[in-house]
PDBML (XML) file of the C-alpha atoms, coordinates in Angstrom:
<?xml version="1.0" encoding="UTF-8" ?>
<PDBx:datablock datablockName="MODEL"
   xmlns:PDBx="http://pdbml.pdb.org/schema/pdbx-v50.xsd"
   xmlns:xsi="http://www.w3.org/2001/XMLSchema-instance"
   xsi:schemaLocation="http://pdbml.pdb.org/schema/pdbx-v50.xsd pdbx-v50.xsd">
   <PDBx:atom_siteCategory>
      <PDBx:atom_site id="1">
         <PDBx:B_iso_or_equiv>0.00</PDBx:B_iso_or_equiv>
         <PDBx:Cartn_x>-2.812</PDBx:Cartn_x>
         <PDBx:Cartn_y>7.713</PDBx:Cartn_y>
         <PDBx:Cartn_z>-4.678</PDBx:Cartn_z>
         <PDBx:auth_asym_id>A</PDBx:auth_asym_id>
         <PDBx:auth_atom_id>CA</PDBx:auth_atom_id>
         <PDBx:auth_comp_id>UNK</PDBx:auth_comp_id>
         <PDBx:auth_seq_id>1</PDBx:auth_seq_id>
         <PDBx:group_PDB>ATOM</PDBx:group_PDB>
         <PDBx:label_alt_id xsi:nil="true" />
         <PDBx:label_asym_id>A</PDBx:label_asym_id>
         <PDBx:label_atom_id>CA</PDBx:label_atom_id>
         <PDBx:label_comp_id>UNK</PDBx:label_comp_id>
         <PDBx:label_entity_id>1</PDBx:label_entity_id>
         <PDBx:label_seq_id>1</PDBx:label_seq_id>
         <PDBx:occupancy>1.00</PDBx:occupancy>
         <PDBx:pdbx_PDB_model_num>1</PDBx:pdbx_PDB_model_num>
         <PDBx:type_symbol>C</PDBx:type_symbol>
      </PDBx:atom_site>
      <PDBx:atom_site id="2">
         <PDBx:B_iso_or_equiv>0.00</PDBx:B_iso_or_equiv>
         <PDBx:Cartn_x>-0.262</PDBx:Cartn_x>
         <PDBx:Cartn_y>5.305</PDBx:Cartn_y>
         <PDBx:Cartn_z>-6.156</PDBx:Cartn_z>
         <PDBx:auth_asym_id>A</PDBx:auth_asym_id>
         <PDBx:auth_atom_id>CA</PDBx:auth_atom_id>
         <PDBx:auth_comp_id>UNK</PDBx:auth_comp_id>
         <PDBx:auth_seq_id>2</PDBx:auth_seq_id>
         <PDBx:group_PDB>ATOM</PDBx:group_PDB>
         <PDBx:label_alt_id xsi:nil="true" />
         <PDBx:label_asym_id>A</PDBx:label_asym_id>
         <PDBx:label_atom_id>CA</PDBx:label_atom_id>
         <PDBx:label_comp_id>UNK</PDBx:label_comp_id>
         <PDBx:label_entity_id>1</PDBx:label_entity_id>
         <PDBx:label_seq_id>2</PDBx:label_seq_id>
         <PDBx:occupancy>1.00</PDBx:occupancy>
         <PDBx:pdbx_PDB_model_num>1</PDBx:pdbx_PDB_model_num>
         <PDBx:type_symbol>C</PDBx:type_symbol>
      </PDBx:atom_site>
      <PDBx:atom_site id="3">
         <PDBx:B_iso_or_equiv>0.00</PDBx:B_iso_or_equiv>
         <PDBx:Cartn_x>2.712</PDBx:Cartn_x>
         <PDBx:Cartn_y>7.519</PDBx:Cartn_y>
         <PDBx:Cartn_z>-5.108</PDBx:Cartn_z>
         <PDBx:auth_asym_id>A</PDBx:auth_asym_id>
         <PDBx:auth_atom_id>CA</PDBx:auth_atom_id>
         <PDBx:auth_comp_id>UNK</PDBx:auth_comp_id>
         <PDBx:auth_seq_id>3</PDBx:auth_seq_id>
         <PDBx:group_PDB>ATOM</PDBx:group_PDB>
         <PDBx:label_alt_id xsi:nil="true" />
         <PDBx:label_asym_id>A</PDBx:label_asym_id>
         <PDBx:label_atom_id>CA</PDBx:label_atom_id>
         <PDBx:label_comp_id>UNK</PDBx:label_comp_id>
         <PDBx:label_entity_id>1</PDBx:label_entity_id>
         <PDBx:label_seq_id>3</PDBx:label_seq_id>
         <PDBx:occupancy>1.00</PDBx:occupancy>
         <PDBx:pdbx_PDB_model_num>1</PDBx:pdbx_PDB_model_num>
         <PDBx:type_symbol>C</PDBx:type_symbol>
      </PDBx:atom_site>
      <PDBx:atom_site id="4">
         <PDBx:B_iso_or_equiv>0.00</PDBx:B_iso_or_equiv>
         <PDBx:Cartn_x>1.718</PDBx:Cartn_x>
         <PDBx:Cartn_y>6.907</PDBx:Cartn_y>
         <PDBx:Cartn_z>-1.471</PDBx:Cartn_z>
         <PDBx:auth_asym_id>A</PDBx:auth_asym_id>
         <PDBx:auth_atom_id>CA</PDBx:auth_atom_id>
         <PDBx:auth_comp_id>UNK</PDBx:auth_comp_id>
         <PDBx:auth_seq_id>4</PDBx:auth_seq_id>
         <PDBx:group_PDB>ATOM</PDBx:group_PDB>
         <PDBx:label_alt_id xsi:nil="true" />
         <PDBx:label_asym_id>A</PDBx:label_asym_id>
         <PDBx:label_atom_id>CA</PDBx:label_atom_id>
         <PDBx:label_comp_id>UNK</PDBx:label_comp_id>
         <PDBx:label_entity_id>1</PDBx:label_entity_id>
         <PDBx:label_seq_id>4</PDBx:label_seq_id>
         <PDBx:occupancy>1.00</PDBx:occupancy>
         <PDBx:pdbx_PDB_model_num>1</PDBx:pdbx_PDB_model_num>
         <PDBx:type_symbol>C</PDBx:type_symbol>
      </PDBx:atom_site>
      <PDBx:atom_site id="5">
         <PDBx:B_iso_or_equiv>0.00</PDBx:B_iso_or_equiv>
         <PDBx:Cartn_x>3.344</PDBx:Cartn_x>
         <PDBx:Cartn_y>3.506</PDBx:Cartn_y>
         <PDBx:Cartn_z>-1.905</PDBx:Cartn_z>
         <PDBx:auth_asym_id>A</PDBx:auth_asym_id>
         <PDBx:auth_atom_id>CA</PDBx:auth_atom_id>
         <PDBx:auth_comp_id>UNK</PDBx:auth_comp_id>
         <PDBx:auth_seq_id>5</PDBx:auth_seq_id>
         <PDBx:group_PDB>ATOM</PDBx:group_PDB>
         <PDBx:label_alt_id xsi:nil="true" />
         <PDBx:label_asym_id>A</PDBx:label_asym_id>
         <PDBx:label_atom_id>CA</PDBx:label_atom_id>
         <PDBx:label_comp_id>UNK</PDBx:label_comp_id>
         <PDBx:label_entity_id>1</PDBx:label_entity_id>
         <PDBx:label_seq_id>5</PDBx:label_seq_id>
         <PDBx:occupancy>1.00</PDBx:occupancy>
         <PDBx:pdbx_PDB_model_num>1</PDBx:pdbx_PDB_model_num>
         <PDBx:type_symbol>C</PDBx:type_symbol>
      </PDBx:atom_site>
      <PDBx:atom_site id="6">
         <PDBx:B_iso_or_equiv>0.00</PDBx:B_iso_or_equiv>
         <PDBx:Cartn_x>6.806</PDBx:Cartn_x>
         <PDBx:Cartn_y>5.076</PDBx:Cartn_y>
         <PDBx:Cartn_z>-1.954</PDBx:Cartn_z>
         <PDBx:auth_asym_id>A</PDBx:auth_asym_id>
         <PDBx:auth_atom_id>CA</PDBx:auth_atom_id>
         <PDBx:auth_comp_id>UNK</PDBx:auth_comp_id>
         <PDBx:auth_seq_id>6</PDBx:auth_seq_id>
         <PDBx:group_PDB>ATOM</PDBx:group_PDB>
         <PDBx:label_alt_id xsi:nil="true" />
         <PDBx:label_asym_id>A</PDBx:label_asym_id>
         <PDBx:label_atom_id>CA</PDBx:label_atom_id>
         <PDBx:label_comp_id>UNK</PDBx:label_comp_id>
         <PDBx:label_entity_id>1</PDBx:label_entity_id>
         <PDBx:label_seq_id>6</PDBx:label_seq_id>
         <PDBx:occupancy>1.00</PDBx:occupancy>
         <PDBx:pdbx_PDB_model_num>1</PDBx:pdbx_PDB_model_num>
         <PDBx:type_symbol>C</PDBx:type_symbol>
      </PDBx:atom_site>
      <PDBx:atom_site id="7">
         <PDBx:B_iso_or_equiv>0.00</PDBx:B_iso_or_equiv>
         <PDBx:Cartn_x>6.241</PDBx:Cartn_x>
         <PDBx:Cartn_y>6.095</PDBx:Cartn_y>
         <PDBx:Cartn_z>1.671</PDBx:Cartn_z>
         <PDBx:auth_asym_id>A</PDBx:auth_asym_id>
         <PDBx:auth_atom_id>CA</PDBx:auth_atom_id>
         <PDBx:auth_comp_id>UNK</PDBx:auth_comp_id>
         <PDBx:auth_seq_id>7</PDBx:auth_seq_id>
         <PDBx:group_PDB>ATOM</PDBx:group_PDB>
         <PDBx:label_alt_id xsi:nil="true" />
         <PDBx:label_asym_id>A</PDBx:label_asym_id>
         <PDBx:label_atom_id>CA</PDBx:label_atom_id>
         <PDBx:label_comp_id>UNK</PDBx:label_comp_id>
         <PDBx:label_entity_id>1</PDBx:label_entity_id>
         <PDBx:label_seq_id>7</PDBx:label_seq_id>
         <PDBx:occupancy>1.00</PDBx:occupancy>
         <PDBx:pdbx_PDB_model_num>1</PDBx:pdbx_PDB_model_num>
         <PDBx:type_symbol>C</PDBx:type_symbol>
      </PDBx:atom_site>
      <PDBx:atom_site id="8">
         <PDBx:B_iso_or_equiv>0.00</PDBx:B_iso_or_equiv>
         <PDBx:Cartn_x>4.349</PDBx:Cartn_x>
         <PDBx:Cartn_y>3.013</PDBx:Cartn_y>
         <PDBx:Cartn_z>2.797</PDBx:Cartn_z>
         <PDBx:auth_asym_id>A</PDBx:auth_asym_id>
         <PDBx:auth_atom_id>CA</PDBx:auth_atom_id>
         <PDBx:auth_comp_id>UNK</PDBx:auth_comp_id>
         <PDBx:auth_seq_id>8</PDBx:auth_seq_id>
         <PDBx:group_PDB>ATOM</PDBx:group_PDB>
         <PDBx:label_alt_id xsi:nil="true" />
         <PDBx:label_asym_id>A</PDBx:label_asym_id>
         <PDBx:label_atom_id>CA</PDBx:label_atom_id>
         <PDBx:label_comp_id>UNK</PDBx:label_comp_id>
         <PDBx:label_entity_id>1</PDBx:label_entity_id>
         <PDBx:label_seq_id>8</PDBx:label_seq_id>
         <PDBx:occupancy>1.00</PDBx:occupancy>
         <PDBx:pdbx_PDB_model_num>1</PDBx:pdbx_PDB_model_num>
         <PDBx:type_symbol>C</PDBx:type_symbol>
      </PDBx:atom_site>
      <PDBx:atom_site id="9">
         <PDBx:B_iso_or_equiv>0.00</PDBx:B_iso_or_equiv>
         <PDBx:Cartn_x>7.116</PDBx:Cartn_x>
         <PDBx:Cartn_y>0.781</PDBx:Cartn_y>
         <PDBx:Cartn_z>1.439</PDBx:Cartn_z>
         <PDBx:auth_asym_id>A</PDBx:auth_asym_id>
         <PDBx:auth_atom_id>CA</PDBx:auth_atom_id>
         <PDBx:auth_comp_id>UNK</PDBx:auth_comp_id>
         <PDBx:auth_seq_id>9</PDBx:auth_seq_id>
         <PDBx:group_PDB>ATOM</PDBx:group_PDB>
         <PDBx:label_alt_id xsi:nil="true" />
         <PDBx:label_asym_id>A</PDBx:label_asym_id>
         <PDBx:label_atom_id>CA</PDBx:label_atom_id>
         <PDBx:label_comp_id>UNK</PDBx:label_comp_id>
         <PDBx:label_entity_id>1</PDBx:label_entity_id>
         <PDBx:label_seq_id>9</PDBx:label_seq_id>
         <PDBx:occupancy>1.00</PDBx:occupancy>
         <PDBx:pdbx_PDB_model_num>1</PDBx:pdbx_PDB_model_num>
         <PDBx:type_symbol>C</PDBx:type_symbol>
      </PDBx:atom_site>
      <PDBx:atom_site id="10">
         <PDBx:B_iso_or_equiv>0.00</PDBx:B_iso_or_equiv>
         <PDBx:Cartn_x>9.450</PDBx:Cartn_x>
         <PDBx:Cartn_y>2.268</PDBx:Cartn_y>
         <PDBx:Cartn_z>4.046</PDBx:Cartn_z>
         <PDBx:auth_asym_id>A</PDBx:auth_asym_id>
         <PDBx:auth_atom_id>CA</PDBx:auth_atom_id>
         <PDBx:auth_comp_id>UNK</PDBx:auth_comp_id>
         <PDBx:auth_seq_id>10</PDBx:auth_seq_id>
         <PDBx:group_PDB>ATOM</PDBx:group_PDB>
         <PDBx:label_alt_id xsi:nil="true" />
         <PDBx:label_asym_id>A</PDBx:label_asym_id>
         <PDBx:label_atom_id>CA</PDBx:label_atom_id>
         <PDBx:label_comp_id>UNK</PDBx:label_comp_id>
         <PDBx:label_entity_id>1</PDBx:label_entity_id>
         <PDBx:label_seq_id>10</PDBx:label_seq_id>
         <PDBx:occupancy>1.00</PDBx:occupancy>
         <PDBx:pdbx_PDB_model_num>1</PDBx:pdbx_PDB_model_num>
         <PDBx:type_symbol>C</PDBx:type_symbol>
      </PDBx:atom_site>
      <PDBx:atom_site id="11">
         <PDBx:B_iso_or_equiv>0.00</PDBx:B_iso_or_equiv>
         <PDBx:Cartn_x>7.408</PDBx:Cartn_x>
         <PDBx:Cartn_y>0.690</PDBx:Cartn_y>
         <PDBx:Cartn_z>6.844</PDBx:Cartn_z>
         <PDBx:auth_asym_id>A</PDBx:auth_asym_id>
         <PDBx:auth_atom_id>CA</PDBx:auth_atom_id>
         <PDBx:auth_comp_id>UNK</PDBx:auth_comp_id>
         <PDBx:auth_seq_id>11</PDBx:auth_seq_id>
         <PDBx:group_PDB>ATOM</PDBx:group_PDB>
         <PDBx:label_alt_id xsi:nil="true" />
         <PDBx:label_asym_id>A</PDBx:label_asym_id>
         <PDBx:label_atom_id>CA</PDBx:label_atom_id>
         <PDBx:label_comp_id>UNK</PDBx:label_comp_id>
         <PDBx:label_entity_id>1</PDBx:label_entity_id>
         <PDBx:label_seq_id>11</PDBx:label_seq_id>
         <PDBx:occupancy>1.00</PDBx:occupancy>
         <PDBx:pdbx_PDB_model_num>1</PDBx:pdbx_PDB_model_num>
         <PDBx:type_symbol>C</PDBx:type_symbol>
      </PDBx:atom_site>
      <PDBx:atom_site id="12">
         <PDBx:B_iso_or_equiv>0.00</PDBx:B_iso_or_equiv>
         <PDBx:Cartn_x>9.159</PDBx:Cartn_x>
         <PDBx:Cartn_y>-2.460</PDBx:Cartn_y>
         <PDBx:Cartn_z>8.171</PDBx:Cartn_z>
         <PDBx:auth_asym_id>A</PDBx:auth_asym_id>
         <PDBx:auth_atom_id>CA</PDBx:auth_atom_id>
         <PDBx:auth_comp_id>UNK</PDBx:auth_comp_id>
         <PDBx:auth_seq_id>12</PDBx:auth_seq_id>
         <PDBx:group_PDB>ATOM</PDBx:group_PDB>
         <PDBx:label_alt_id xsi:nil="true" />
         <PDBx:label_asym_id>A</PDBx:label_asym_id>
         <PDBx:label_atom_id>CA</PDBx:label_atom_id>
         <PDBx:label_comp_id>UNK</PDBx:label_comp_id>
         <PDBx:label_entity_id>1</PDBx:label_entity_id>
         <PDBx:label_seq_id>12</PDBx:label_seq_id>
         <PDBx:occupancy>1.00</PDBx:occupancy>
         <PDBx:pdbx_PDB_model_num>1</PDBx:pdbx_PDB_model_num>
         <PDBx:type_symbol>C</PDBx:type_symbol>
      </PDBx:atom_site>
      <PDBx:atom_site id="13">
         <PDBx:B_iso_or_equiv>0.00</PDBx:B_iso_or_equiv>
         <PDBx:Cartn_x>5.949</PDBx:Cartn_x>
         <PDBx:Cartn_y>-4.515</PDBx:Cartn_y>
         <PDBx:Cartn_z>8.015</PDBx:Cartn_z>
         <PDBx:auth_asym_id>A</PDBx:auth_asym_id>
         <PDBx:auth_atom_id>CA</PDBx:auth_atom_id>
         <PDBx:auth_comp_id>UNK</PDBx:auth_comp_id>
         <PDBx:auth_seq_id>13</PDBx:auth_seq_id>
         <PDBx:group_PDB>ATOM</PDBx:group_PDB>
         <PDBx:label_alt_id xsi:nil="true" />
         <PDBx:label_asym_id>A</PDBx:label_asym_id>
         <PDBx:label_atom_id>CA</PDBx:label_atom_id>
         <PDBx:label_comp_id>UNK</PDBx:label_comp_id>
         <PDBx:label_entity_id>1</PDBx:label_entity_id>
         <PDBx:label_seq_id>13</PDBx:label_seq_id>
         <PDBx:occupancy>1.00</PDBx:occupancy>
         <PDBx:pdbx_PDB_model_num>1</PDBx:pdbx_PDB_model_num>
         <PDBx:type_symbol>C</PDBx:type_symbol>
      </PDBx:atom_site>
      <PDBx:atom_site id="14">
         <PDBx:B_iso_or_equiv>0.00</PDBx:B_iso_or_equiv>
         <PDBx:Cartn_x>4.761</PDBx:Cartn_x>
         <PDBx:Cartn_y>-3.290</PDBx:Cartn_y>
         <PDBx:Cartn_z>4.636</PDBx:Cartn_z>
         <PDBx:auth_asym_id>A</PDBx:auth_asym_id>
         <PDBx:auth_atom_id>CA</PDBx:auth_atom_id>
         <PDBx:auth_comp_id>UNK</PDBx:auth_comp_id>
         <PDBx:auth_seq_id>14</PDBx:auth_seq_id>
         <PDBx:group_PDB>ATOM</PDBx:group_PDB>
         <PDBx:label_alt_id xsi:nil="true" />
         <PDBx:label_asym_id>A</PDBx:label_asym_id>
         <PDBx:label_atom_id>CA</PDBx:label_atom_id>
         <PDBx:label_comp_id>UNK</PDBx:label_comp_id>
         <PDBx:label_entity_id>1</PDBx:label_entity_id>
         <PDBx:label_seq_id>14</PDBx:label_seq_id>
         <PDBx:occupancy>1.00</PDBx:occupancy>
         <PDBx:pdbx_PDB_model_num>1</PDBx:pdbx_PDB_model_num>
         <PDBx:type_symbol>C</PDBx:type_symbol>
      </PDBx:atom_site>
      <PDBx:atom_site id="15">
         <PDBx:B_iso_or_equiv>0.00</PDBx:B_iso_or_equiv>
         <PDBx:Cartn_x>5.470</PDBx:Cartn_x>
         <PDBx:Cartn_y>-6.399</PDBx:Cartn_y>
         <PDBx:Cartn_z>2.567</PDBx:Cartn_z>
         <PDBx:auth_asym_id>A</PDBx:auth_asym_id>
         <PDBx:auth_atom_id>CA</PDBx:auth_atom_id>
         <PDBx:auth_comp_id>UNK</PDBx:auth_comp_id>
         <PDBx:auth_seq_id>15</PDBx:auth_seq_id>
         <PDBx:group_PDB>ATOM</PDBx:group_PDB>
         <PDBx:label_alt_id xsi:nil="true" />
         <PDBx:label_asym_id>A</PDBx:label_asym_id>
         <PDBx:label_atom_id>CA</PDBx:label_atom_id>
         <PDBx:label_comp_id>UNK</PDBx:label_comp_id>
         <PDBx:label_entity_id>1</PDBx:label_entity_id>
         <PDBx:label_seq_id>15</PDBx:label_seq_id>
         <PDBx:occupancy>1.00</PDBx:occupancy>
         <PDBx:pdbx_PDB_model_num>1</PDBx:pdbx_PDB_model_num>
         <PDBx:type_symbol>C</PDBx:type_symbol>
      </PDBx:atom_site>
      <PDBx:atom_site id="16">
         <PDBx:B_iso_or_equiv>0.00</PDBx:B_iso_or_equiv>
         <PDBx:Cartn_x>3.132</PDBx:Cartn_x>
         <PDBx:Cartn_y>-8.453</PDBx:Cartn_y>
         <PDBx:Cartn_z>4.774</PDBx:Cartn_z>
         <PDBx:auth_asym_id>A</PDBx:auth_asym_id>
         <PDBx:auth_atom_id>CA</PDBx:auth_atom_id>
         <PDBx:auth_comp_id>UNK</PDBx:auth_comp_id>
         <PDBx:auth_seq_id>16</PDBx:auth_seq_id>
         <PDBx:group_PDB>ATOM</PDBx:group_PDB>
         <PDBx:label_alt_id xsi:nil="true" />
         <PDBx:label_asym_id>A</PDBx:label_asym_id>
         <PDBx:label_atom_id>CA</PDBx:label_atom_id>
         <PDBx:label_comp_id>UNK</PDBx:label_comp_id>
         <PDBx:label_entity_id>1</PDBx:label_entity_id>
         <PDBx:label_seq_id>16</PDBx:label_seq_id>
         <PDBx:occupancy>1.00</PDBx:occupancy>
         <PDBx:pdbx_PDB_model_num>1</PDBx:pdbx_PDB_model_num>
         <PDBx:type_symbol>C</PDBx:type_symbol>
      </PDBx:atom_site>
      <PDBx:atom_site id="17">
         <PDBx:B_iso_or_equiv>0.00</PDBx:B_iso_or_equiv>
         <PDBx:Cartn_x>0.289</PDBx:Cartn_x>
         <PDBx:Cartn_y>-5.930</PDBx:Cartn_y>
         <PDBx:Cartn_z>4.884</PDBx:Cartn_z>
         <PDBx:auth_asym_id>A</PDBx:auth_asym_id>
         <PDBx:auth_atom_id>CA</PDBx:auth_atom_id>
         <PDBx:auth_comp_id>UNK</PDBx:auth_comp_id>
         <PDBx:auth_seq_id>17</PDBx:auth_seq_id>
         <PDBx:group_PDB>ATOM</PDBx:group_PDB>
         <PDBx:label_alt_id xsi:nil="true" />
         <PDBx:label_asym_id>A</PDBx:label_asym_id>
         <PDBx:label_atom_id>CA</PDBx:label_atom_id>
         <PDBx:label_comp_id>UNK</PDBx:label_comp_id>
         <PDBx:label_entity_id>1</PDBx:label_entity_id>
         <PDBx:label_seq_id>17</PDBx:label_seq_id>
         <PDBx:occupancy>1.00</PDBx:occupancy>
         <PDBx:pdbx_PDB_model_num>1</PDBx:pdbx_PDB_model_num>
         <PDBx:type_symbol>C</PDBx:type_symbol>
      </PDBx:atom_site>
      <PDBx:atom_site id="18">
         <PDBx:B_iso_or_equiv>0.00</PDBx:B_iso_or_equiv>
         <PDBx:Cartn_x>-2.772</PDBx:Cartn_x>
         <PDBx:Cartn_y>-6.101</PDBx:Cartn_y>
         <PDBx:Cartn_z>2.600</PDBx:Cartn_z>
         <PDBx:auth_asym_id>A</PDBx:auth_asym_id>
         <PDBx:auth_atom_id>CA</PDBx:auth_atom_id>
         <PDBx:auth_comp_id>UNK</PDBx:auth_comp_id>
         <PDBx:auth_seq_id>18</PDBx:auth_seq_id>
         <PDBx:group_PDB>ATOM</PDBx:group_PDB>
         <PDBx:label_alt_id xsi:nil="true" />
         <PDBx:label_asym_id>A</PDBx:label_asym_id>
         <PDBx:label_atom_id>CA</PDBx:label_atom_id>
         <PDBx:label_comp_id>UNK</PDBx:label_comp_id>
         <PDBx:label_entity_id>1</PDBx:label_entity_id>
         <PDBx:label_seq_id>18</PDBx:label_seq_id>
         <PDBx:occupancy>1.00</PDBx:occupancy>
         <PDBx:pdbx_PDB_model_num>1</PDBx:pdbx_PDB_model_num>
         <PDBx:type_symbol>C</PDBx:type_symbol>
      </PDBx:atom_site>
      <PDBx:atom_site id="19">
         <PDBx:B_iso_or_equiv>0.00</PDBx:B_iso_or_equiv>
         <PDBx:Cartn_x>-3.848</PDBx:Cartn_x>
         <PDBx:Cartn_y>-3.048</PDBx:Cartn_y>
         <PDBx:Cartn_z>0.603</PDBx:Cartn_z>
         <PDBx:auth_asym_id>A</PDBx:auth_asym_id>
         <PDBx:auth_atom_id>CA</PDBx:auth_atom_id>
         <PDBx:auth_comp_id>UNK</PDBx:auth_comp_id>
         <PDBx:auth_seq_id>19</PDBx:auth_seq_id>
         <PDBx:group_PDB>ATOM</PDBx:group_PDB>
         <PDBx:label_alt_id xsi:nil="true" />
         <PDBx:label_asym_id>A</PDBx:label_asym_id>
         <PDBx:label_atom_id>CA</PDBx:label_atom_id>
         <PDBx:label_comp_id>UNK</PDBx:label_comp_id>
         <PDBx:label_entity_id>1</PDBx:label_entity_id>
         <PDBx:label_seq_id>19</PDBx:label_seq_id>
         <PDBx:occupancy>1.00</PDBx:occupancy>
         <PDBx:pdbx_PDB_model_num>1</PDBx:pdbx_PDB_model_num>
         <PDBx:type_symbol>C</PDBx:type_symbol>
      </PDBx:atom_site>
      <PDBx:atom_site id="20">
         <PDBx:B_iso_or_equiv>0.00</PDBx:B_iso_or_equiv>
         <PDBx:Cartn_x>-7.509</PDBx:Cartn_x>
         <PDBx:Cartn_y>-2.037</PDBx:Cartn_y>
         <PDBx:Cartn_z>0.691</PDBx:Cartn_z>
         <PDBx:auth_asym_id>A</PDBx:auth_asym_id>
         <PDBx:auth_atom_id>CA</PDBx:auth_atom_id>
         <PDBx:auth_comp_id>UNK</PDBx:auth_comp_id>
         <PDBx:auth_seq_id>20</PDBx:auth_seq_id>
         <PDBx:group_PDB>ATOM</PDBx:group_PDB>
         <PDBx:label_alt_id xsi:nil="true" />
         <PDBx:label_asym_id>A</PDBx:label_asym_id>
         <PDBx:label_atom_id>CA</PDBx:label_atom_id>
         <PDBx:label_comp_id>UNK</PDBx:label_comp_id>
         <PDBx:label_entity_id>1</PDBx:label_entity_id>
         <PDBx:label_seq_id>20</PDBx:label_seq_id>
         <PDBx:occupancy>1.00</PDBx:occupancy>
         <PDBx:pdbx_PDB_model_num>1</PDBx:pdbx_PDB_model_num>
         <PDBx:type_symbol>C</PDBx:type_symbol>
      </PDBx:atom_site>
      <PDBx:atom_site id="21">
         <PDBx:B_iso_or_equiv>0.00</PDBx:B_iso_or_equiv>
         <PDBx:Cartn_x>-8.847</PDBx:Cartn_x>
         <PDBx:Cartn_y>-1.054</PDBx:Cartn_y>
         <PDBx:Cartn_z>-2.738</PDBx:Cartn_z>
         <PDBx:auth_asym_id>A</PDBx:auth_asym_id>
         <PDBx:auth_atom_id>CA</PDBx:auth_atom_id>
         <PDBx:auth_comp_id>UNK</PDBx:auth_comp_id>
         <PDBx:auth_seq_id>21</PDBx:auth_seq_id>
         <PDBx:group_PDB>ATOM</PDBx:group_PDB>
         <PDBx:label_alt_id xsi:nil="true" />
         <PDBx:label_asym_id>A</PDBx:label_asym_id>
         <PDBx:label_atom_id>CA</PDBx:label_atom_id>
         <PDBx:label_comp_id>UNK</PDBx:label_comp_id>
         <PDBx:label_entity_id>1</PDBx:label_entity_id>
         <PDBx:label_seq_id>21</PDBx:label_seq_id>
         <PDBx:occupancy>1.00</PDBx:occupancy>
         <PDBx:pdbx_PDB_model_num>1</PDBx:pdbx_PDB_model_num>
         <PDBx:type_symbol>C</PDBx:type_symbol>
      </PDBx:atom_site>
      <PDBx:atom_site id="22">
         <PDBx:B_iso_or_equiv>0.00</PDBx:B_iso_or_equiv>
         <PDBx:Cartn_x>-12.177</PDBx:Cartn_x>
         <PDBx:Cartn_y>-0.492</PDBx:Cartn_y>
         <PDBx:Cartn_z>-4.448</PDBx:Cartn_z>
         <PDBx:auth_asym_id>A</PDBx:auth_asym_id>
         <PDBx:auth_atom_id>CA</PDBx:auth_atom_id>
         <PDBx:auth_comp_id>UNK</PDBx:auth_comp_id>
         <PDBx:auth_seq_id>22</PDBx:auth_seq_id>
         <PDBx:group_PDB>ATOM</PDBx:group_PDB>
         <PDBx:label_alt_id xsi:nil="true" />
         <PDBx:label_asym_id>A</PDBx:label_asym_id>
         <PDBx:label_atom_id>CA</PDBx:label_atom_id>
         <PDBx:label_comp_id>UNK</PDBx:label_comp_id>
         <PDBx:label_entity_id>1</PDBx:label_entity_id>
         <PDBx:label_seq_id>22</PDBx:label_seq_id>
         <PDBx:occupancy>1.00</PDBx:occupancy>
         <PDBx:pdbx_PDB_model_num>1</PDBx:pdbx_PDB_model_num>
         <PDBx:type_symbol>C</PDBx:type_symbol>
      </PDBx:atom_site>
      <PDBx:atom_site id="23">
         <PDBx:B_iso_or_equiv>0.00</PDBx:B_iso_or_equiv>
         <PDBx:Cartn_x>-13.299</PDBx:Cartn_x>
         <PDBx:Cartn_y>-3.676</PDBx:Cartn_y>
         <PDBx:Cartn_z>-6.226</PDBx:Cartn_z>
         <PDBx:auth_asym_id>A</PDBx:auth_asym_id>
         <PDBx:auth_atom_id>CA</PDBx:auth_atom_id>
         <PDBx:auth_comp_id>UNK</PDBx:auth_comp_id>
         <PDBx:auth_seq_id>23</PDBx:auth_seq_id>
         <PDBx:group_PDB>ATOM</PDBx:group_PDB>
         <PDBx:label_alt_id xsi:nil="true" />
         <PDBx:label_asym_id>A</PDBx:label_asym_id>
         <PDBx:label_atom_id>CA</PDBx:label_atom_id>
         <PDBx:label_comp_id>UNK</PDBx:label_comp_id>
         <PDBx:label_entity_id>1</PDBx:label_entity_id>
         <PDBx:label_seq_id>23</PDBx:label_seq_id>
         <PDBx:occupancy>1.00</PDBx:occupancy>
         <PDBx:pdbx_PDB_model_num>1</PDBx:pdbx_PDB_model_num>
         <PDBx:type_symbol>C</PDBx:type_symbol>
      </PDBx:atom_site>
      <PDBx:atom_site id="24">
         <PDBx:B_iso_or_equiv>0.00</PDBx:B_iso_or_equiv>
         <PDBx:Cartn_x>-14.814</PDBx:Cartn_x>
         <PDBx:Cartn_y>-1.548</PDBx:Cartn_y>
         <PDBx:Cartn_z>-9.021</PDBx:Cartn_z>
         <PDBx:auth_asym_id>A</PDBx:auth_asym_id>
         <PDBx:auth_atom_id>CA</PDBx:auth_atom_id>
         <PDBx:auth_comp_id>UNK</PDBx:auth_comp_id>
         <PDBx:auth_seq_id>24</PDBx:auth_seq_id>
         <PDBx:group_PDB>ATOM</PDBx:group_PDB>
         <PDBx:label_alt_id xsi:nil="true" />
         <PDBx:label_asym_id>A</PDBx:label_asym_id>
         <PDBx:label_atom_id>CA</PDBx:label_atom_id>
         <PDBx:label_comp_id>UNK</PDBx:label_comp_id>
         <PDBx:label_entity_id>1</PDBx:label_entity_id>
         <PDBx:label_seq_id>24</PDBx:label_seq_id>
         <PDBx:occupancy>1.00</PDBx:occupancy>
         <PDBx:pdbx_PDB_model_num>1</PDBx:pdbx_PDB_model_num>
         <PDBx:type_symbol>C</PDBx:type_symbol>
      </PDBx:atom_site>
      <PDBx:atom_site id="25">
         <PDBx:B_iso_or_equiv>0.00</PDBx:B_iso_or_equiv>
         <PDBx:Cartn_x>-11.563</PDBx:Cartn_x>
         <PDBx:Cartn_y>0.132</PDBx:Cartn_y>
         <PDBx:Cartn_z>-10.033</PDBx:Cartn_z>
         <PDBx:auth_asym_id>A</PDBx:auth_asym_id>
         <PDBx:auth_atom_id>CA</PDBx:auth_atom_id>
         <PDBx:auth_comp_id>UNK</PDBx:auth_comp_id>
         <PDBx:auth_seq_id>25</PDBx:auth_seq_id>
         <PDBx:group_PDB>ATOM</PDBx:group_PDB>
         <PDBx:label_alt_id xsi:nil="true" />
         <PDBx:label_asym_id>A</PDBx:label_asym_id>
         <PDBx:label_atom_id>CA</PDBx:label_atom_id>
         <PDBx:label_comp_id>UNK</PDBx:label_comp_id>
         <PDBx:label_entity_id>1</PDBx:label_entity_id>
         <PDBx:label_seq_id>25</PDBx:label_seq_id>
         <PDBx:occupancy>1.00</PDBx:occupancy>
         <PDBx:pdbx_PDB_model_num>1</PDBx:pdbx_PDB_model_num>
         <PDBx:type_symbol>C</PDBx:type_symbol>
      </PDBx:atom_site>
   </PDBx:atom_siteCategory>
</PDBx:datablock>
């Protein structure tokens, strides 16, 4: 799951977007 960030970071709006995660991680 964490490696998905290497692709998402290429999106021009990524730095402003929130990431949805499980509170119980």
